Amino acid sequence: MSSATGAPHLKRSLGVRDVALFMVTAGCSPQWAATAASAGPSSLVVWILGGLGMFLPLSVCVVFLSSRHPDEGGLYVWAKRAFGPMAGFMTGWTYWTSNLPYLTGLLYFSAGSALYIFGSPDAAASASPQYFILFSLGTLAFAVWLNFLGLDVAKWLNNAGAHARWMQCLLLMVLGGVVWWQFGSAVPLTADSMLPGFRLQDWIFWGTIAFAWTGPEAASFMGGEIRDPQRTVPRALLAAAPVIAAVYLLSTASVIVAVAPEHLNALYGVMEAIRLSAERLGLAWLIPLGALLVVLDRVAGVGLWLGASARIPFAAGIDHYLPRSFARVHPVHGSPTVALWVQAAVIVVFVFVGQAGTSVRGAYNVLVSLMVAATMLPFLALFASAIKLSGGDPVPGEARIPGGSRTVVLMALVGLATTIAAIVLALVPAPGEQHPLLALLKVAGTTLVLLGIGVAVYLAGSRAARRVDAA
């Protein structure tokens, strides 16, 4: 954590292996690969461009900032150091609030994927909203309980999720390879099909891919709970980066050759790819195995993001911008209990509101469509902070970036350009949208409302902080 007086003592529970697996779980998802595959072979080129435009700059800036300022709170603290308390709070606020609907979406996706273990291909589509609510609440309670017990315990779920993720990728590769060998590619692989398009829907897709490359920065929120973070974070990211890239590229390629885009279900794309490939090969017994891997992967994602996001209100509580109770840690487990429970309570509201007056598919789509623009906003502050903090002499133990501050600034500028483009594209209604103005107002309006609430919370908290400082 920052150097606030009286900051609670945190247990350093995460080593290099734990942080690397954490980054794999946070930094990639075969579900994005299935989404990308629906765009055809050109998505492989887009993945590479997205990695160069977002993941590489993000990795350089996270390594630099984590080693120079290895504080609990990550980009909340970096933005605060660079631009002041309000910038730090709003950066943390937008990251935290955008994760709440994302977590709810993960719960829905886990619930639907679990039905592939037992039912027919239509089981997920025909399940009742009550099932999704009960599954979501049970999974959320399990994730909260593990995080309440502290990172010593919760990290095992994170690690299991990372292993489930690469095993999904391996399963997709085996199925895709055998389908290609026996039947040929479901999509022609030609030089023309590999060229990205430049239509409006293609540009929107590019913005989505940039968003998919984010995630490894989440480990920085737990800087005070990582053993020797100045050395651990760079080493972990070096180990995690090739795994993340491989999951995206190999999973996408496997789905492309195995399943025609028109057969992919947008909501359960990875499960549909596994199901269709396995049934085509007469290996239907692999479907429950794939579903188990997908569910474990998603449940681990819920636990990971629940724990990482809780460190933001925890940091704000230490700075007195939120009630001091948010800064409390459990005397035995060292977990930020109030931050965890409050966050869980908000997600429960999202679970019920998301189902109100809509289908399960509609609920999932609404939750996902509302988060992209808000999720990218904190990265503006992250890259700008890297530029602002790149000057000055290195601190003891700081990671050496080839090219020094010039490389950091260059990468931050590339990341800023990519982030701005992704935010603008997230505001553009998709082609075929029946009510484009309403769709624009929904995304932009929700983002502005979240920002407005954040400003109000900060102003109220800053008054409380001044009273504490004056006492």
Protein backbone atom coordinates (compact mmCIF):
# COMPACT_ATOMS: atom_id res chain seq x y z
CA MET A 1 0.00 0.00 0.00
CA SER A 2 0.99 3.59 -0.09
CA SER A 3 2.82 5.09 2.75
CA ALA A 4 -0.25 6.13 4.64
CA THR A 5 0.24 6.16 8.37
CA GLY A 6 -1.32 3.23 10.13
CA ALA A 7 -1.70 1.17 6.97
CA PRO A 8 -2.66 -2.40 7.92
CA HIS A 9 -0.07 -5.13 7.73
CA LEU A 10 -0.49 -7.36 4.68
CA LYS A 11 0.70 -10.94 4.24
CA ARG A 12 3.06 -11.47 1.31
CA SER A 13 1.50 -14.66 -0.03
CA LEU A 14 2.29 -14.62 -3.76
CA GLY A 15 5.53 -15.82 -5.36
CA VAL A 16 6.65 -15.79 -9.00
CA ARG A 17 4.66 -18.90 -9.94
CA ASP A 18 1.48 -17.61 -8.27
CA VAL A 19 1.72 -14.20 -9.96
CA ALA A 20 2.46 -15.77 -13.36
CA LEU A 21 -0.58 -18.04 -13.11
CA PHE A 22 -2.61 -15.09 -11.83
CA MET A 23 -1.65 -13.14 -14.96
CA VAL A 24 -2.58 -16.05 -17.23
CA THR A 25 -6.02 -16.29 -15.62
CA ALA A 26 -6.50 -12.51 -15.77
CA GLY A 27 -4.88 -11.91 -19.15
CA CYS A 28 -6.57 -14.27 -21.60
CA SER A 29 -9.71 -16.27 -22.25
CA PRO A 30 -10.53 -18.89 -24.90
CA GLN A 31 -13.98 -17.29 -25.03
CA TRP A 32 -12.41 -14.24 -26.70
CA ALA A 33 -10.68 -16.64 -29.08
CA ALA A 34 -14.04 -18.09 -30.10
CA THR A 35 -15.39 -14.57 -30.61
CA ALA A 36 -12.38 -13.70 -32.76
CA ALA A 37 -12.71 -16.91 -34.81
CA SER A 38 -16.15 -15.80 -35.98
CA ALA A 39 -14.35 -13.02 -37.90
CA GLY A 40 -12.38 -15.60 -39.87
CA PRO A 41 -8.64 -16.19 -40.44
CA SER A 42 -7.86 -12.46 -40.51
CA SER A 43 -8.49 -12.43 -36.75
CA LEU A 44 -5.08 -14.07 -36.29
CA VAL A 45 -3.41 -11.01 -37.79
CA VAL A 46 -5.63 -8.75 -35.68
CA TRP A 47 -4.54 -10.63 -32.56
CA ILE A 48 -0.90 -9.93 -33.39
CA LEU A 49 -1.56 -6.26 -34.12
CA GLY A 50 -3.59 -5.97 -30.92
CA GLY A 51 -0.77 -7.55 -28.94
CA LEU A 52 1.73 -5.07 -30.37
CA GLY A 53 -0.62 -2.13 -29.84
CA MET A 54 -1.89 -2.99 -26.36
CA PHE A 55 -0.26 -5.94 -24.62
CA LEU A 56 3.36 -4.98 -25.32
CA PRO A 57 2.97 -1.34 -24.18
CA LEU A 58 0.91 -2.46 -21.19
CA SER A 59 3.54 -5.03 -20.17
CA VAL A 60 6.42 -2.52 -20.41
CA CYS A 61 4.54 0.10 -18.39
CA VAL A 62 3.34 -2.39 -15.75
CA VAL A 63 6.86 -3.76 -15.28
CA PHE A 64 8.27 -0.24 -14.98
CA LEU A 65 5.61 1.10 -12.61
CA SER A 66 5.44 -2.08 -10.50
CA SER A 67 9.18 -2.07 -9.93
CA ARG A 68 9.49 1.68 -9.27
CA HIS A 69 6.33 1.94 -7.14
CA PRO A 70 5.51 -1.59 -5.85
CA ASP A 71 2.59 -0.44 -3.69
CA GLU A 72 -0.70 -2.14 -2.85
CA GLY A 73 -3.33 -0.60 -5.09
CA GLY A 74 -1.46 -0.65 -8.40
CA LEU A 75 -2.70 1.86 -10.93
CA TYR A 76 -4.77 3.60 -8.23
CA VAL A 77 -1.52 4.53 -6.49
CA TRP A 78 0.37 5.24 -9.74
CA ALA A 79 -2.24 7.71 -10.97
CA LYS A 80 -2.33 9.32 -7.53
CA ARG A 81 1.44 9.78 -7.53
CA ALA A 82 1.43 11.17 -11.06
CA PHE A 83 -1.64 13.43 -11.08
CA GLY A 84 -2.95 13.76 -7.54
CA PRO A 85 -5.59 12.20 -5.29
CA MET A 86 -8.62 12.81 -7.49
CA ALA A 87 -6.99 11.22 -10.54
CA GLY A 88 -5.97 8.23 -8.42
CA PHE A 89 -9.46 7.80 -7.00
CA MET A 90 -11.23 8.15 -10.36
CA THR A 91 -8.81 5.70 -11.98
CA GLY A 92 -9.54 3.15 -9.28
CA TRP A 93 -13.25 3.93 -9.37
CA THR A 94 -13.65 3.35 -13.11
CA TYR A 95 -11.63 0.14 -12.97
CA TRP A 96 -13.64 -1.14 -10.01
CA THR A 97 -17.10 -0.24 -11.32
CA SER A 98 -16.42 -1.66 -14.79
CA ASN A 99 -15.41 -4.97 -13.23
CA LEU A 100 -18.74 -5.40 -11.45
CA PRO A 101 -20.85 -6.12 -14.58
CA TYR A 102 -17.93 -8.12 -15.97
CA LEU A 103 -17.95 -10.35 -12.88
CA THR A 104 -21.68 -10.81 -13.25
CA GLY A 105 -21.18 -11.80 -16.87
CA LEU A 106 -18.61 -14.39 -15.79
CA LEU A 107 -21.14 -15.86 -13.37
CA TYR A 108 -23.78 -16.18 -16.10
CA PHE A 109 -21.29 -17.72 -18.50
CA SER A 110 -20.17 -20.23 -15.87
CA ALA A 111 -23.77 -21.21 -15.18
CA GLY A 112 -24.56 -21.76 -18.87
CA SER A 113 -21.36 -23.69 -19.51
CA ALA A 114 -22.06 -25.99 -16.54
CA LEU A 115 -25.21 -27.21 -18.28
CA TYR A 116 -23.11 -28.71 -21.09
CA ILE A 117 -21.84 -31.23 -18.53
CA PHE A 118 -25.27 -32.82 -18.22
CA GLY A 119 -27.63 -31.70 -20.95
CA SER A 120 -28.33 -31.48 -24.63
CA PRO A 121 -26.99 -28.69 -26.87
CA ASP A 122 -30.12 -26.70 -26.06
CA ALA A 123 -29.81 -27.12 -22.28
CA ALA A 124 -28.12 -23.77 -21.73
CA ALA A 125 -30.62 -21.92 -23.91
CA SER A 126 -33.64 -23.48 -22.19
CA ALA A 127 -32.46 -23.05 -18.59
CA SER A 128 -34.58 -20.82 -16.40
CA PRO A 129 -33.43 -17.47 -15.03
CA GLN A 130 -33.86 -18.94 -11.55
CA TYR A 131 -31.15 -21.50 -12.30
CA PHE A 132 -28.76 -18.78 -13.45
CA ILE A 133 -29.45 -16.69 -10.36
CA LEU A 134 -28.97 -19.60 -7.94
CA PHE A 135 -25.81 -20.80 -9.67
CA SER A 136 -24.41 -17.27 -9.71
CA LEU A 137 -25.13 -16.69 -6.03
CA GLY A 138 -23.61 -20.03 -5.03
CA THR A 139 -20.47 -19.44 -7.10
CA LEU A 140 -20.13 -15.90 -5.77
CA ALA A 141 -20.44 -17.13 -2.17
CA PHE A 142 -17.71 -19.71 -2.81
CA ALA A 143 -15.38 -17.11 -4.34
CA VAL A 144 -15.98 -14.65 -1.50
CA TRP A 145 -15.31 -17.35 1.09
CA LEU A 146 -11.97 -18.28 -0.50
CA ASN A 147 -10.89 -14.65 -0.71
CA PHE A 148 -12.03 -14.11 2.89
CA LEU A 149 -9.61 -16.87 3.90
CA GLY A 150 -6.82 -14.85 2.29
CA LEU A 151 -4.56 -15.15 -0.72
CA ASP A 152 -2.79 -18.13 0.82
CA VAL A 153 -6.00 -20.04 0.08
CA ALA A 154 -7.57 -18.08 -2.79
CA LYS A 155 -4.45 -18.36 -4.92
CA TRP A 156 -5.05 -22.09 -5.38
CA LEU A 157 -8.29 -21.39 -7.24
CA ASN A 158 -6.49 -18.76 -9.37
CA ASN A 159 -3.74 -21.26 -10.18
CA ALA A 160 -6.24 -24.01 -11.01
CA GLY A 161 -8.01 -21.62 -13.38
CA ALA A 162 -4.77 -20.93 -15.26
CA HIS A 163 -4.14 -24.66 -15.70
CA ALA A 164 -7.75 -25.16 -16.85
CA ARG A 165 -7.24 -22.37 -19.36
CA TRP A 166 -4.26 -23.89 -21.15
CA MET A 167 -5.91 -27.33 -20.99
CA GLN A 168 -8.92 -25.85 -22.82
CA CYS A 169 -6.51 -24.51 -25.40
CA LEU A 170 -4.90 -27.96 -25.72
CA LEU A 171 -8.32 -29.61 -26.13
CA LEU A 172 -9.31 -27.10 -28.81
CA MET A 173 -6.00 -27.68 -30.59
CA VAL A 174 -6.40 -31.46 -30.60
CA LEU A 175 -10.01 -31.33 -31.79
CA GLY A 176 -9.26 -28.67 -34.38
CA GLY A 177 -6.21 -30.52 -35.67
CA VAL A 178 -8.06 -33.82 -36.08
CA VAL A 179 -11.05 -32.12 -37.76
CA TRP A 180 -8.69 -30.36 -40.17
CA TRP A 181 -6.83 -33.60 -40.90
CA GLN A 182 -10.00 -35.60 -41.58
CA PHE A 183 -12.30 -33.04 -43.19
CA GLY A 184 -10.18 -30.03 -44.13
CA SER A 185 -10.54 -26.52 -42.79
CA ALA A 186 -14.04 -25.21 -42.13
CA VAL A 187 -12.87 -21.85 -43.53
CA PRO A 188 -10.57 -21.47 -46.58
CA LEU A 189 -7.08 -20.43 -45.45
CA THR A 190 -5.80 -18.16 -48.19
CA ALA A 191 -3.71 -15.01 -48.39
CA ASP A 192 -6.87 -12.99 -49.00
CA SER A 193 -8.72 -14.50 -46.02
CA MET A 194 -5.80 -13.56 -43.75
CA LEU A 195 -6.02 -9.87 -44.65
CA PRO A 196 -7.96 -7.81 -42.08
CA GLY A 197 -10.92 -5.84 -43.36
CA PHE A 198 -11.45 -2.12 -42.88
CA ARG A 199 -15.21 -1.88 -42.67
CA LEU A 200 -16.86 -0.30 -39.64
CA GLN A 201 -17.60 -3.68 -38.06
CA ASP A 202 -13.94 -4.63 -38.54
CA TRP A 203 -12.77 -1.53 -36.70
CA ILE A 204 -15.18 -2.26 -33.86
CA PHE A 205 -13.75 -5.76 -33.71
CA TRP A 206 -10.22 -4.32 -33.50
CA GLY A 207 -11.26 -2.32 -30.43
CA THR A 208 -12.65 -5.45 -28.79
CA ILE A 209 -9.38 -7.30 -29.39
CA ALA A 210 -7.44 -4.45 -27.76
CA PHE A 211 -9.67 -4.83 -24.70
CA ALA A 212 -9.06 -8.59 -24.65
CA TRP A 213 -5.30 -8.04 -24.30
CA THR A 214 -5.73 -6.30 -20.91
CA GLY A 215 -5.64 -8.09 -17.54
CA PRO A 216 -2.06 -8.65 -16.37
CA GLU A 217 -2.09 -5.22 -14.71
CA ALA A 218 -4.52 -6.63 -12.11
CA ALA A 219 -1.66 -8.28 -10.22
CA SER A 220 -0.34 -4.81 -9.40
CA PHE A 221 -3.30 -4.19 -7.10
CA MET A 222 -1.76 -6.77 -4.75
CA GLY A 223 1.74 -5.27 -4.68
CA GLY A 224 1.77 -5.35 -0.89
CA GLU A 225 0.93 -9.06 -0.91
CA ILE A 226 3.58 -10.17 -3.44
CA ARG A 227 6.93 -11.40 -2.20
CA ASP A 228 9.67 -9.08 -3.51
CA PRO A 229 7.31 -7.42 -6.04
CA GLN A 230 10.06 -5.46 -7.80
CA ARG A 231 11.59 -8.70 -9.06
CA THR A 232 8.54 -10.97 -8.96
CA VAL A 233 6.22 -8.98 -11.26
CA PRO A 234 8.68 -8.69 -14.19
CA ARG A 235 9.66 -12.36 -13.93
CA ALA A 236 6.02 -13.46 -13.70
CA LEU A 237 4.98 -11.37 -16.69
CA LEU A 238 7.90 -12.72 -18.72
CA ALA A 239 6.64 -16.24 -18.00
CA ALA A 240 2.95 -15.45 -18.51
CA ALA A 241 3.21 -13.43 -21.74
CA PRO A 242 3.97 -16.33 -24.14
CA VAL A 243 1.23 -18.45 -22.53
CA ILE A 244 -1.32 -15.66 -22.96
CA ALA A 245 -0.33 -15.14 -26.60
CA ALA A 246 -0.40 -18.89 -27.28
CA VAL A 247 -3.86 -19.31 -25.76
CA TYR A 248 -5.28 -16.58 -27.98
CA LEU A 249 -3.55 -17.49 -31.23
CA LEU A 250 -3.71 -21.28 -30.99
CA SER A 251 -7.28 -21.36 -29.66
CA THR A 252 -8.46 -19.00 -32.38
CA ALA A 253 -6.72 -20.98 -35.13
CA SER A 254 -8.17 -24.23 -33.79
CA VAL A 255 -11.73 -22.90 -33.81
CA ILE A 256 -11.30 -21.39 -37.29
CA VAL A 257 -10.33 -24.69 -38.90
CA ALA A 258 -12.91 -26.74 -36.97
CA VAL A 259 -16.14 -24.73 -37.00
CA ALA A 260 -17.72 -22.46 -39.58
CA PRO A 261 -18.42 -18.97 -38.17
CA GLU A 262 -22.20 -19.22 -38.71
CA HIS A 263 -22.32 -22.20 -36.35
CA LEU A 264 -20.66 -20.43 -33.43
CA ASN A 265 -22.92 -19.37 -30.59
CA ALA A 266 -21.88 -15.87 -29.54
CA LEU A 267 -22.76 -16.50 -25.91
CA TYR A 268 -21.10 -19.92 -25.46
CA GLY A 269 -18.64 -19.83 -28.35
CA VAL A 270 -15.87 -21.91 -26.80
CA MET A 271 -18.28 -24.58 -25.56
CA GLU A 272 -20.02 -24.72 -28.93
CA ALA A 273 -16.66 -25.13 -30.64
CA ILE A 274 -15.79 -28.04 -28.35
CA ARG A 275 -19.24 -29.60 -28.72
CA LEU A 276 -19.46 -29.35 -32.50
CA SER A 277 -15.91 -30.62 -33.03
CA ALA A 278 -16.31 -33.53 -30.61
CA GLU A 279 -19.65 -34.61 -32.08
CA ARG A 280 -18.28 -34.44 -35.61
CA LEU A 281 -15.46 -36.79 -34.59
CA GLY A 282 -17.71 -39.14 -32.61
CA LEU A 283 -16.04 -38.08 -29.35
CA ALA A 284 -19.05 -36.70 -27.50
CA TRP A 285 -17.63 -37.93 -24.19
CA LEU A 286 -15.14 -35.04 -24.42
CA ILE A 287 -17.94 -32.47 -24.12
CA PRO A 288 -18.42 -32.83 -20.33
CA LEU A 289 -14.63 -32.70 -19.88
CA GLY A 290 -14.46 -29.50 -21.88
CA ALA A 291 -17.36 -28.05 -19.90
CA LEU A 292 -15.62 -28.85 -16.61
CA LEU A 293 -12.49 -27.04 -17.80
CA VAL A 294 -14.50 -24.02 -18.96
CA VAL A 295 -16.45 -23.82 -15.69
CA LEU A 296 -13.29 -24.13 -13.56
CA ASP A 297 -11.65 -21.46 -15.70
CA ARG A 298 -14.59 -19.05 -15.31
CA VAL A 299 -15.12 -19.69 -11.59
CA ALA A 300 -11.41 -19.03 -11.03
CA GLY A 301 -11.84 -15.80 -12.97
CA VAL A 302 -14.64 -14.77 -10.62
CA GLY A 303 -12.44 -15.45 -7.60
CA LEU A 304 -9.45 -13.66 -9.11
CA TRP A 305 -11.25 -10.48 -10.15
CA LEU A 306 -13.26 -10.41 -6.93
CA GLY A 307 -10.04 -10.42 -4.91
CA ALA A 308 -8.08 -8.06 -7.14
CA SER A 309 -10.89 -5.51 -7.46
CA ALA A 310 -11.48 -5.49 -3.70
CA ARG A 311 -8.00 -4.01 -3.23
CA ILE A 312 -9.17 -0.77 -4.90
CA PRO A 313 -11.81 0.24 -2.29
CA PHE A 314 -9.38 -1.12 0.32
CA ALA A 315 -6.73 1.36 -0.87
CA ALA A 316 -9.32 4.16 -1.00
CA GLY A 317 -10.32 3.31 2.57
CA ILE A 318 -6.75 3.72 3.77
CA ASP A 319 -6.67 7.15 2.10
CA HIS A 320 -10.01 7.97 3.82
CA TYR A 321 -11.88 8.56 0.54
CA LEU A 322 -14.13 5.68 1.56
CA PRO A 323 -15.13 4.86 5.15
CA ARG A 324 -12.21 3.64 7.25
CA SER A 325 -13.91 0.25 7.57
CA PHE A 326 -12.91 -0.52 3.97
CA ALA A 327 -9.26 -0.52 5.10
CA ARG A 328 -9.78 -3.25 7.69
CA VAL A 329 -8.11 -6.59 7.20
CA HIS A 330 -9.00 -9.83 8.92
CA PRO A 331 -6.68 -10.31 11.91
CA VAL A 332 -5.94 -13.93 10.98
CA HIS A 333 -6.38 -14.19 7.19
CA GLY A 334 -5.20 -10.70 6.22
CA SER A 335 -8.07 -10.22 3.75
CA PRO A 336 -9.89 -6.87 3.20
CA THR A 337 -13.18 -8.19 4.58
CA VAL A 338 -15.42 -5.12 4.31
CA ALA A 339 -14.26 -4.37 0.76
CA LEU A 340 -14.95 -7.98 -0.23
CA TRP A 341 -18.44 -8.15 1.28
CA VAL A 342 -19.56 -4.76 -0.05
CA GLN A 343 -18.35 -5.70 -3.53
CA ALA A 344 -20.17 -9.03 -3.32
CA ALA A 345 -23.38 -7.27 -2.26
CA VAL A 346 -23.22 -4.98 -5.30
CA ILE A 347 -22.66 -7.97 -7.60
CA VAL A 348 -25.73 -9.69 -6.11
CA VAL A 349 -27.76 -6.65 -7.16
CA PHE A 350 -26.32 -6.92 -10.67
CA VAL A 351 -27.24 -10.61 -10.78
CA PHE A 352 -30.90 -9.87 -10.07
CA VAL A 353 -31.16 -6.65 -12.09
CA GLY A 354 -29.48 -8.28 -15.07
CA GLN A 355 -32.27 -10.86 -15.22
CA ALA A 356 -35.12 -8.37 -14.78
CA GLY A 357 -37.36 -8.29 -17.84
CA THR A 358 -34.95 -9.98 -20.24
CA SER A 359 -33.64 -13.35 -21.28
CA VAL A 360 -30.42 -14.87 -20.04
CA ARG A 361 -28.78 -14.12 -23.39
CA GLY A 362 -30.05 -10.56 -23.26
CA ALA A 363 -28.79 -10.12 -19.71
CA TYR A 364 -25.31 -11.34 -20.64
CA ASN A 365 -25.14 -9.14 -23.74
CA VAL A 366 -26.28 -6.05 -21.82
CA LEU A 367 -23.67 -6.61 -19.10
CA VAL A 368 -20.85 -7.07 -21.60
CA SER A 369 -21.85 -4.20 -23.91
CA LEU A 370 -21.89 -1.69 -21.05
CA MET A 371 -18.39 -2.40 -19.73
CA VAL A 372 -15.91 -1.97 -22.58
CA ALA A 373 -15.65 1.84 -22.71
CA ALA A 374 -15.52 2.20 -18.93
CA THR A 375 -12.98 -0.62 -18.62
CA MET A 376 -10.57 1.10 -21.02
CA LEU A 377 -10.72 4.49 -19.26
CA PRO A 378 -8.28 3.57 -16.45
CA PHE A 379 -5.67 2.64 -19.02
CA LEU A 380 -5.54 6.26 -20.12
CA ALA A 381 -4.37 7.06 -16.60
CA LEU A 382 -2.00 4.07 -16.50
CA PHE A 383 -0.14 5.05 -19.68
CA ALA A 384 -0.18 8.76 -18.80
CA SER A 385 1.21 7.90 -15.34
CA ALA A 386 4.04 5.91 -16.93
CA ILE A 387 5.00 8.99 -18.97
CA LYS A 388 4.78 11.33 -15.97
CA LEU A 389 6.71 9.03 -13.62
CA SER A 390 9.35 7.93 -16.14
CA GLY A 391 11.69 10.76 -15.21
CA GLY A 392 14.03 10.83 -12.27
CA ASP A 393 16.65 8.42 -11.07
CA PRO A 394 15.90 4.68 -10.80
CA VAL A 395 15.09 3.38 -7.34
CA PRO A 396 16.96 0.45 -5.76
CA GLY A 397 15.68 -2.85 -7.19
CA GLU A 398 13.93 -1.24 -10.16
CA ALA A 399 13.65 -3.42 -13.27
CA ARG A 400 15.89 -2.37 -16.14
CA ILE A 401 13.87 -1.52 -19.26
CA PRO A 402 15.97 -1.66 -22.47
CA GLY A 403 16.22 1.92 -23.66
CA GLY A 404 15.23 3.27 -20.26
CA SER A 405 12.71 6.08 -19.96
CA ARG A 406 12.60 6.62 -23.74
CA THR A 407 11.24 3.12 -24.24
CA VAL A 408 8.71 3.61 -21.43
CA VAL A 409 7.46 6.87 -22.95
CA LEU A 410 7.27 5.41 -26.47
CA MET A 411 5.35 2.35 -25.32
CA ALA A 412 3.03 4.51 -23.22
CA LEU A 413 2.24 6.70 -26.24
CA VAL A 414 1.43 3.61 -28.33
CA GLY A 415 -0.77 2.30 -25.51
CA LEU A 416 -2.53 5.67 -25.20
CA ALA A 417 -3.33 5.75 -28.91
CA THR A 418 -4.67 2.19 -28.83
CA THR A 419 -6.77 2.89 -25.74
CA ILE A 420 -8.31 6.06 -27.17
CA ALA A 421 -9.18 4.24 -30.38
CA ALA A 422 -10.74 1.35 -28.45
CA ILE A 423 -12.89 3.73 -26.37
CA VAL A 424 -14.12 5.60 -29.45
CA LEU A 425 -14.93 2.35 -31.24
CA ALA A 426 -16.77 1.03 -28.19
CA LEU A 427 -19.14 3.98 -28.49
CA VAL A 428 -19.95 3.22 -32.13
CA PRO A 429 -23.14 1.13 -32.49
CA ALA A 430 -22.61 -2.15 -34.29
CA PRO A 431 -23.80 -2.38 -37.92
CA GLY A 432 -27.35 -3.64 -38.01
CA GLU A 433 -28.24 -2.11 -34.65
CA GLN A 434 -31.96 -1.24 -34.87
CA HIS A 435 -31.65 1.73 -32.50
CA PRO A 436 -28.12 3.09 -32.96
CA LEU A 437 -28.73 6.35 -31.11
CA LEU A 438 -30.20 4.49 -28.14
CA ALA A 439 -27.25 2.08 -28.16
CA LEU A 440 -24.82 5.03 -28.15
CA LEU A 441 -26.69 6.75 -25.34
CA LYS A 442 -26.75 3.51 -23.34
CA VAL A 443 -22.99 3.06 -23.42
CA ALA A 444 -21.99 6.73 -23.17
CA GLY A 445 -24.72 7.55 -20.65
CA THR A 446 -23.86 4.66 -18.35
CA THR A 447 -20.18 5.62 -18.47
CA LEU A 448 -20.95 9.26 -17.65
CA VAL A 449 -23.23 8.24 -14.80
CA LEU A 450 -20.50 6.05 -13.31
CA LEU A 451 -18.01 8.91 -13.60
CA GLY A 452 -20.47 11.34 -12.01
CA ILE A 453 -21.09 9.01 -9.08
CA GLY A 454 -17.33 8.60 -8.69
CA VAL A 455 -16.81 12.37 -8.54
CA ALA A 456 -19.56 12.68 -5.91
CA VAL A 457 -18.05 9.87 -3.81
CA TYR A 458 -14.60 11.42 -4.08
CA LEU A 459 -15.78 14.89 -3.03
CA ALA A 460 -17.61 13.45 -0.03
CA GLY A 461 -14.60 11.29 0.85
CA SER A 462 -12.10 14.12 0.48
CA ARG A 463 -14.08 16.19 2.98
CA ALA A 464 -13.99 13.27 5.39
CA ALA A 465 -10.25 12.84 4.76
CA ARG A 466 -9.60 16.50 5.57
CA ARG A 467 -11.49 16.12 8.83
CA VAL A 468 -9.39 13.09 9.72
CA ASP A 469 -6.16 14.92 8.89
CA ALA A 470 -7.24 17.93 10.97
CA ALA A 471 -8.13 15.79 14.01
